[in-house]
Amino acid sequence: MASYSIAFPKTYAGPPLARCRIALTGRGMPADPDTALLVVGSPDITNPCPTAWNMTATAGRVHG
């Protein structure tokens, strides 16, 4: 399984991320649900957090 740690800003106001699909379009990944990464579990939130990025989600996909 290829896995990634993806950081989200404190201002994130989207839906809950557990079991969502994420496409890293800024990294050249197509915005296609079939190839997007799957969030594993619930994101971790760091409080207090001195930076603008306080939420980390682990996402990945299985090859083969």
PDB file of N, CA and C in Angstrom:
ATOM      1  N   MET A   1       0.849  -1.186   0.000  1.00  0.00           N
ATOM      2  CA  MET A   1       0.000   0.000   0.000  1.00  0.00           C
ATOM      3  C   MET A   1       0.884   1.234   0.000  1.00  0.00           C
ATOM      4  N   ALA A   2       0.625   2.145  -0.897  1.00  0.00           N
ATOM      5  CA  ALA A   2       1.295   3.442  -0.895  1.00  0.00           C
ATOM      6  C   ALA A   2       0.493   4.355   0.027  1.00  0.00           C
ATOM      7  N   SER A   3       1.169   5.060   0.930  1.00  0.00           N
ATOM      8  CA  SER A   3       0.427   5.927   1.841  1.00  0.00           C
ATOM      9  C   SER A   3       1.047   7.312   1.889  1.00  0.00           C
ATOM     10  N   TYR A   4       0.216   8.283   2.198  1.00  0.00           N
ATOM     11  CA  TYR A   4       0.591   9.678   2.260  1.00  0.00           C
ATOM     12  C   TYR A   4       0.017  10.292   3.532  1.00  0.00           C
ATOM     13  N   SER A   5       0.717  11.269   4.102  1.00  0.00           N
ATOM     14  CA  SER A   5       0.178  12.099   5.180  1.00  0.00           C
ATOM     15  C   SER A   5      -0.157  13.440   4.553  1.00  0.00           C
ATOM     16  N   ILE A   6      -1.415  13.809   4.602  1.00  0.00           N
ATOM     17  CA  ILE A   6      -1.885  15.019   3.944  1.00  0.00           C
ATOM     18  C   ILE A   6      -2.353  16.004   5.011  1.00  0.00           C
ATOM     19  N   ALA A   7      -1.790  17.215   4.993  1.00  0.00           N
ATOM     20  CA  ALA A   7      -2.129  18.231   5.990  1.00  0.00           C
ATOM     21  C   ALA A   7      -3.237  19.139   5.464  1.00  0.00           C
ATOM     22  N   PHE A   8      -4.123  19.524   6.365  1.00  0.00           N
ATOM     23  CA  PHE A   8      -5.222  20.430   6.046  1.00  0.00           C
ATOM     24  C   PHE A   8      -5.132  21.655   6.951  1.00  0.00           C
ATOM     25  N   PRO A   9      -5.522  22.834   6.440  1.00  0.00           N
ATOM     26  CA  PRO A   9      -5.438  24.051   7.243  1.00  0.00           C
ATOM     27  C   PRO A   9      -6.532  24.115   8.308  1.00  0.00           C
ATOM     28  N   LYS A  10      -6.289  24.964   9.296  1.00  0.00           N
ATOM     29  CA  LYS A  10      -7.278  25.174  10.363  1.00  0.00           C
ATOM     30  C   LYS A  10      -8.606  25.662   9.799  1.00  0.00           C
ATOM     31  N   THR A  11      -8.572  26.320   8.657  1.00  0.00           N
ATOM     32  CA  THR A  11      -9.784  26.879   8.057  1.00  0.00           C
ATOM     33  C   THR A  11     -10.602  25.853   7.271  1.00  0.00           C
ATOM     34  N   TYR A  12     -10.152  24.593   7.214  1.00  0.00           N
ATOM     35  CA  TYR A  12     -10.903  23.568   6.471  1.00  0.00           C
ATOM     36  C   TYR A  12     -12.324  23.472   7.018  1.00  0.00           C
ATOM     37  N   ALA A  13     -13.308  23.621   6.127  1.00  0.00           N
ATOM     38  CA  ALA A  13     -14.714  23.585   6.536  1.00  0.00           C
ATOM     39  C   ALA A  13     -15.517  22.605   5.688  1.00  0.00           C
ATOM     40  N   GLY A  14     -14.837  21.660   5.070  1.00  0.00           N
ATOM     41  CA  GLY A  14     -15.512  20.681   4.220  1.00  0.00           C
ATOM     42  C   GLY A  14     -16.130  19.560   5.031  1.00  0.00           C
ATOM     43  N   PRO A  15     -16.561  18.510   4.342  1.00  0.00           N
ATOM     44  CA  PRO A  15     -17.188  17.378   5.022  1.00  0.00           C
ATOM     45  C   PRO A  15     -16.170  16.591   5.846  1.00  0.00           C
ATOM     46  N   PRO A  16     -16.639  15.738   6.758  1.00  0.00           N
ATOM     47  CA  PRO A  16     -15.707  14.871   7.482  1.00  0.00           C
ATOM     48  C   PRO A  16     -14.898  14.040   6.485  1.00  0.00           C
ATOM     49  N   LEU A  17     -13.627  13.827   6.778  1.00  0.00           N
ATOM     50  CA  LEU A  17     -12.733  13.194   5.814  1.00  0.00           C
ATOM     51  C   LEU A  17     -12.633  11.673   5.916  1.00  0.00           C
ATOM     52  N   ALA A  18     -13.146  11.078   6.975  1.00  0.00           N
ATOM     53  CA  ALA A  18     -13.051   9.624   7.119  1.00  0.00           C
ATOM     54  C   ALA A  18     -13.693   8.936   5.919  1.00  0.00           C
ATOM     55  N   ARG A  19     -12.943   8.034   5.271  1.00  0.00           N
ATOM     56  CA  ARG A  19     -13.369   7.256   4.107  1.00  0.00           C
ATOM     57  C   ARG A  19     -13.616   8.092   2.854  1.00  0.00           C
ATOM     58  N   CYS A  20     -13.174   9.356   2.823  1.00  0.00           N
ATOM     59  CA  CYS A  20     -13.294  10.188   1.620  1.00  0.00           C
ATOM     60  C   CYS A  20     -12.175   9.850   0.648  1.00  0.00           C
ATOM     61  N   ARG A  21     -12.320  10.284  -0.569  1.00  0.00           N
ATOM     62  CA  ARG A  21     -11.280  10.132  -1.590  1.00  0.00           C
ATOM     63  C   ARG A  21     -10.651  11.497  -1.830  1.00  0.00           C
ATOM     64  N   ILE A  22      -9.315  11.495  -1.970  1.00  0.00           N
ATOM     65  CA  ILE A  22      -8.568  12.736  -2.157  1.00  0.00           C
ATOM     66  C   ILE A  22      -7.686  12.585  -3.383  1.00  0.00           C
ATOM     67  N   ALA A  23      -7.755  13.565  -4.290  1.00  0.00           N
ATOM     68  CA  ALA A  23      -6.872  13.603  -5.457  1.00  0.00           C
ATOM     69  C   ALA A  23      -5.894  14.752  -5.270  1.00  0.00           C
ATOM     70  N   LEU A  24      -4.624  14.457  -5.377  1.00  0.00           N
ATOM     71  CA  LEU A  24      -3.581  15.476  -5.233  1.00  0.00           C
ATOM     72  C   LEU A  24      -3.332  16.105  -6.602  1.00  0.00           C
ATOM     73  N   THR A  25      -4.275  16.920  -7.044  1.00  0.00           N
ATOM     74  CA  THR A  25      -4.213  17.486  -8.392  1.00  0.00           C
ATOM     75  C   THR A  25      -3.009  18.404  -8.578  1.00  0.00           C
ATOM     76  N   GLY A  26      -2.569  19.068  -7.542  1.00  0.00           N
ATOM     77  CA  GLY A  26      -1.382  19.912  -7.625  1.00  0.00           C
ATOM     78  C   GLY A  26      -0.108  19.112  -7.828  1.00  0.00           C
ATOM     79  N   ARG A  27      -0.166  17.815  -7.589  1.00  0.00           N
ATOM     80  CA  ARG A  27       0.969  16.901  -7.781  1.00  0.00           C
ATOM     81  C   ARG A  27       0.815  16.061  -9.038  1.00  0.00           C
ATOM     82  N   GLY A  28      -0.135  16.445  -9.911  1.00  0.00           N
ATOM     83  CA  GLY A  28      -0.301  15.752 -11.178  1.00  0.00           C
ATOM     84  C   GLY A  28      -1.267  14.585 -11.165  1.00  0.00           C
ATOM     85  N   MET A  29      -1.939  14.337 -10.049  1.00  0.00           N
ATOM     86  CA  MET A  29      -2.897  13.239  -9.964  1.00  0.00           C
ATOM     87  C   MET A  29      -4.217  13.679 -10.611  1.00  0.00           C
ATOM     88  N   PRO A  30      -4.805  12.864 -11.477  1.00  0.00           N
ATOM     89  CA  PRO A  30      -6.079  13.251 -12.086  1.00  0.00           C
ATOM     90  C   PRO A  30      -7.197  13.293 -11.044  1.00  0.00           C
ATOM     91  N   ALA A  31      -8.157  14.178 -11.260  1.00  0.00           N
ATOM     92  CA  ALA A  31      -9.299  14.304 -10.351  1.00  0.00           C
ATOM     93  C   ALA A  31     -10.330  13.234 -10.697  1.00  0.00           C
ATOM     94  N   ASP A  32      -9.941  11.986 -10.525  1.00  0.00           N
ATOM     95  CA  ASP A  32     -10.762  10.838 -10.863  1.00  0.00           C
ATOM     96  C   ASP A  32     -10.982   9.996  -9.606  1.00  0.00           C
ATOM     97  N   PRO A  33     -12.245   9.778  -9.194  1.00  0.00           N
ATOM     98  CA  PRO A  33     -12.504   9.003  -7.983  1.00  0.00           C
ATOM     99  C   PRO A  33     -11.907   7.593  -8.007  1.00  0.00           C
ATOM    100  N   ASP A  34     -11.743   7.026  -9.204  1.00  0.00           N
ATOM    101  CA  ASP A  34     -11.199   5.670  -9.287  1.00  0.00           C
ATOM    102  C   ASP A  34      -9.706   5.611  -8.989  1.00  0.00           C
ATOM    103  N   THR A  35      -8.995   6.709  -9.176  1.00  0.00           N
ATOM    104  CA  THR A  35      -7.554   6.729  -8.919  1.00  0.00           C
ATOM    105  C   THR A  35      -7.186   7.564  -7.702  1.00  0.00           C
ATOM    106  N   ALA A  36      -8.173   8.229  -7.086  1.00  0.00           N
ATOM    107  CA  ALA A  36      -7.907   9.066  -5.922  1.00  0.00           C
ATOM    108  C   ALA A  36      -7.502   8.212  -4.717  1.00  0.00           C
ATOM    109  N   LEU A  37      -6.868   8.840  -3.762  1.00  0.00           N
ATOM    110  CA  LEU A  37      -6.436   8.174  -2.535  1.00  0.00           C
ATOM    111  C   LEU A  37      -7.613   8.050  -1.574  1.00  0.00           C
ATOM    112  N   LEU A  38      -7.635   6.999  -0.782  1.00  0.00           N
ATOM    113  CA  LEU A  38      -8.694   6.779   0.204  1.00  0.00           C
ATOM    114  C   LEU A  38      -8.163   7.144   1.585  1.00  0.00           C
ATOM    115  N   VAL A  39      -8.904   8.004   2.302  1.00  0.00           N
ATOM    116  CA  VAL A  39      -8.514   8.381   3.662  1.00  0.00           C
ATOM    117  C   VAL A  39      -8.742   7.185   4.580  1.00  0.00           C
ATOM    118  N   VAL A  40      -7.715   6.865   5.365  1.00  0.00           N
ATOM    119  CA  VAL A  40      -7.757   5.734   6.288  1.00  0.00           C
ATOM    120  C   VAL A  40      -8.065   6.274   7.683  1.00  0.00           C
ATOM    121  N   GLY A  41      -9.178   5.856   8.266  1.00  0.00           N
ATOM    122  CA  GLY A  41      -9.544   6.319   9.602  1.00  0.00           C
ATOM    123  C   GLY A  41      -9.957   7.776   9.607  1.00  0.00           C
ATOM    124  N   SER A  42      -9.890   8.382  10.787  1.00  0.00           N
ATOM    125  CA  SER A  42     -10.221   9.802  10.948  1.00  0.00           C
ATOM    126  C   SER A  42      -8.934  10.605  11.074  1.00  0.00           C
ATOM    127  N   PRO A  43      -8.933  11.818  10.527  1.00  0.00           N
ATOM    128  CA  PRO A  43      -7.737  12.654  10.621  1.00  0.00           C
ATOM    129  C   PRO A  43      -7.402  13.002  12.066  1.00  0.00           C
ATOM    130  N   ASP A  44      -6.113  13.224  12.316  1.00  0.00           N
ATOM    131  CA  ASP A  44      -5.644  13.675  13.626  1.00  0.00           C
ATOM    132  C   ASP A  44      -5.638  15.189  13.653  1.00  0.00           C
ATOM    133  N   ILE A  45      -6.157  15.761  14.737  1.00  0.00           N
ATOM    134  CA  ILE A  45      -6.152  17.212  14.908  1.00  0.00           C
ATOM    135  C   ILE A  45      -5.228  17.553  16.060  1.00  0.00           C
ATOM    136  N   THR A  46      -4.307  18.488  15.809  1.00  0.00           N
ATOM    137  CA  THR A  46      -3.337  18.911  16.812  1.00  0.00           C
ATOM    138  C   THR A  46      -3.809  20.198  17.464  1.00  0.00           C
ATOM    139  N   ASN A  47      -4.027  20.163  18.761  1.00  0.00           N
ATOM    140  CA  ASN A  47      -4.422  21.355  19.533  1.00  0.00           C
ATOM    141  C   ASN A  47      -3.554  21.440  20.773  1.00  0.00           C
ATOM    142  N   PRO A  48      -2.983  22.526  21.114  1.00  0.00           N
ATOM    143  CA  PRO A  48      -2.858  23.730  20.302  1.00  0.00           C
ATOM    144  C   PRO A  48      -1.843  23.512  19.190  1.00  0.00           C
ATOM    145  N   CYS A  49      -1.992  24.256  18.129  1.00  0.00           N
ATOM    146  CA  CYS A  49      -1.115  24.124  16.972  1.00  0.00           C
ATOM    147  C   CYS A  49      -0.607  25.509  16.575  1.00  0.00           C
ATOM    148  N   PRO A  50       0.711  25.715  16.562  1.00  0.00           N
ATOM    149  CA  PRO A  50       1.265  27.035  16.253  1.00  0.00           C
ATOM    150  C   PRO A  50       1.287  27.368  14.760  1.00  0.00           C
ATOM    151  N   THR A  51       0.939  26.420  13.893  1.00  0.00           N
ATOM    152  CA  THR A  51       0.959  26.691  12.454  1.00  0.00           C
ATOM    153  C   THR A  51      -0.463  26.768  11.909  1.00  0.00           C
ATOM    154  N   ALA A  52      -0.586  27.066  10.631  1.00  0.00           N
ATOM    155  CA  ALA A  52      -1.905  27.157   9.989  1.00  0.00           C
ATOM    156  C   ALA A  52      -2.461  25.780   9.625  1.00  0.00           C
ATOM    157  N   TRP A  53      -1.642  24.716   9.772  1.00  0.00           N
ATOM    158  CA  TRP A  53      -2.023  23.365   9.365  1.00  0.00           C
ATOM    159  C   TRP A  53      -2.162  22.484  10.607  1.00  0.00           C
ATOM    160  N   ASN A  54      -3.397  22.223  11.052  1.00  0.00           N
ATOM    161  CA  ASN A  54      -3.583  21.494  12.305  1.00  0.00           C
ATOM    162  C   ASN A  54      -4.206  20.108  12.151  1.00  0.00           C
ATOM    163  N   MET A  55      -4.533  19.702  10.936  1.00  0.00           N
ATOM    164  CA  MET A  55      -5.198  18.410  10.745  1.00  0.00           C
ATOM    165  C   MET A  55      -4.397  17.580   9.741  1.00  0.00           C
ATOM    166  N   THR A  56      -4.102  16.333  10.103  1.00  0.00           N
ATOM    167  CA  THR A  56      -3.340  15.434   9.240  1.00  0.00           C
ATOM    168  C   THR A  56      -4.158  14.177   8.973  1.00  0.00           C
ATOM    169  N   ALA A  57      -4.351  13.878   7.700  1.00  0.00           N
ATOM    170  CA  ALA A  57      -5.057  12.658   7.308  1.00  0.00           C
ATOM    171  C   ALA A  57      -4.090  11.700   6.645  1.00  0.00           C
ATOM    172  N   THR A  58      -4.227  10.420   6.929  1.00  0.00           N
ATOM    173  CA  THR A  58      -3.446   9.398   6.246  1.00  0.00           C
ATOM    174  C   THR A  58      -4.309   8.851   5.127  1.00  0.00           C
ATOM    175  N   ALA A  59      -3.757   8.852   3.930  1.00  0.00           N
ATOM    176  CA  ALA A  59      -4.504   8.369   2.757  1.00  0.00           C
ATOM    177  C   ALA A  59      -3.599   7.466   1.942  1.00  0.00           C
ATOM    178  N   GLY A  60      -4.189   6.558   1.201  1.00  0.00           N
ATOM    179  CA  GLY A  60      -3.384   5.680   0.379  1.00  0.00           C
ATOM    180  C   GLY A  60      -4.219   4.872  -0.584  1.00  0.00           C
ATOM    181  N   ARG A  61      -3.521   4.016  -1.338  1.00  0.00           N
ATOM    182  CA  ARG A  61      -4.186   3.096  -2.240  1.00  0.00           C
ATOM    183  C   ARG A  61      -3.348   1.839  -2.351  1.00  0.00           C
ATOM    184  N   VAL A  62      -4.015   0.757  -2.675  1.00  0.00           N
ATOM    185  CA  VAL A  62      -3.354  -0.527  -2.805  1.00  0.00           C
ATOM    186  C   VAL A  62      -3.060  -0.762  -4.283  1.00  0.00           C
ATOM    187  N   HIS A  63      -1.850  -1.162  -4.566  1.00  0.00           N
ATOM    188  CA  HIS A  63      -1.454  -1.477  -5.948  1.00  0.00           C
ATOM    189  C   HIS A  63      -1.345  -2.995  -6.096  1.00  0.00           C
ATOM    190  N   GLY A  64      -2.047  -3.531  -7.066  1.00  0.00           N
ATOM    191  CA  GLY A  64      -1.910  -4.961  -7.345  1.00  0.00           C
ATOM    192  C   GLY A  64      -2.833  -5.873  -6.642  1.00  0.00           C
TER     193      GLY A  64
END
